[in-house]
Amino acid sequence: MANALYHKGAHYSMIMTYLIAASLVMIPMSIMEATILGVQFTVIRLLVSLPRVIVFSVVIEKVLTRQRYQLPDQQSN
């Protein structure tokens, strides 16, 4: 998925944010977490985690750009 997004013009930070946030904010997992650990814990976890994902993604993009990293071309099967 990351490769396809990259070749459609998405920046590394957008790709990283999408991939990490998608796994972080799964609704069934959040419901189960809220049931077991409490709604307050789940809300705090999301409010703390999402900004960190964005900052991490921007830092990784800068590192990859500085190293001139490029994802390989898509290969057709």
Protein backbone atom coordinates (compact mmCIF):
# COMPACT_ATOMS: atom_id res chain seq x y z
CA MET A 1 0.00 0.00 0.00
CA ALA A 2 2.82 2.42 0.88
CA ASN A 3 4.42 1.88 -2.51
CA ALA A 4 1.16 2.59 -4.34
CA LEU A 5 0.56 5.78 -2.33
CA TYR A 6 4.12 6.93 -2.95
CA HIS A 7 3.87 6.43 -6.70
CA LYS A 8 0.59 8.35 -6.74
CA GLY A 9 2.42 11.35 -5.31
CA ALA A 10 1.97 11.06 -1.53
CA HIS A 11 4.78 12.32 0.67
CA TYR A 12 6.54 9.96 3.08
CA SER A 13 4.99 11.76 6.07
CA MET A 14 1.48 11.24 4.72
CA ILE A 15 2.14 7.57 4.08
CA MET A 16 3.61 6.99 7.53
CA THR A 17 0.79 8.90 9.24
CA TYR A 18 -1.85 6.90 7.40
CA LEU A 19 -0.29 3.50 8.03
CA ILE A 20 0.42 4.08 11.71
CA ALA A 21 -2.83 5.91 12.53
CA ALA A 22 -4.92 3.28 10.73
CA SER A 23 -3.57 0.59 13.04
CA LEU A 24 -3.76 2.85 16.08
CA VAL A 25 -7.41 3.90 15.74
CA MET A 26 -9.19 0.68 14.84
CA ILE A 27 -12.77 1.04 16.07
CA PRO A 28 -13.30 -2.55 17.33
CA MET A 29 -10.02 -2.41 19.26
CA SER A 30 -10.90 0.99 20.74
CA ILE A 31 -14.31 -0.25 21.87
CA MET A 32 -12.78 -3.30 23.53
CA GLU A 33 -10.08 -1.16 25.11
CA ALA A 34 -12.67 1.31 26.45
CA THR A 35 -14.69 -1.56 27.89
CA ILE A 36 -11.72 -3.18 29.62
CA LEU A 37 -9.53 -0.20 30.56
CA GLY A 38 -12.08 2.60 30.60
CA VAL A 39 -13.15 5.37 28.27
CA GLN A 40 -10.86 7.90 29.96
CA PHE A 41 -7.79 5.75 29.27
CA THR A 42 -8.78 5.22 25.63
CA VAL A 43 -9.37 8.93 25.02
CA ILE A 44 -6.08 9.89 26.67
CA ARG A 45 -4.21 7.24 24.67
CA LEU A 46 -5.63 8.55 21.40
CA LEU A 47 -5.03 12.20 22.29
CA VAL A 48 -1.42 11.47 23.23
CA SER A 49 -0.66 9.01 20.43
CA LEU A 50 -2.02 10.80 17.36
CA PRO A 51 0.13 13.96 17.67
CA ARG A 52 3.18 11.76 18.29
CA VAL A 53 2.43 9.81 15.10
CA ILE A 54 2.31 13.04 13.10
CA VAL A 55 5.58 14.35 14.58
CA PHE A 56 7.27 10.98 14.04
CA SER A 57 6.09 10.89 10.43
CA VAL A 58 7.46 14.36 9.68
CA VAL A 59 10.82 13.48 11.24
CA ILE A 60 11.04 10.24 9.26
CA GLU A 61 10.21 12.10 6.04
CA LYS A 62 13.02 14.57 6.67
CA VAL A 63 15.48 11.74 7.34
CA LEU A 64 14.44 9.81 4.23
CA THR A 65 14.53 12.96 2.09
CA ARG A 66 17.97 13.88 3.36
CA GLN A 67 19.22 10.39 2.46
CA ARG A 68 17.47 10.67 -0.94
CA TYR A 69 15.62 7.43 -0.30
CA GLN A 70 13.10 6.33 -2.92
CA LEU A 71 10.76 3.41 -2.82
CA PRO A 72 11.32 0.90 -5.60
CA ASP A 73 9.05 0.98 -8.65
CA GLN A 74 5.89 -1.04 -8.52
CA GLN A 75 6.29 -4.45 -10.06
CA SER A 76 3.41 -5.96 -11.95
CA ASN A 77 2.65 -9.58 -11.14
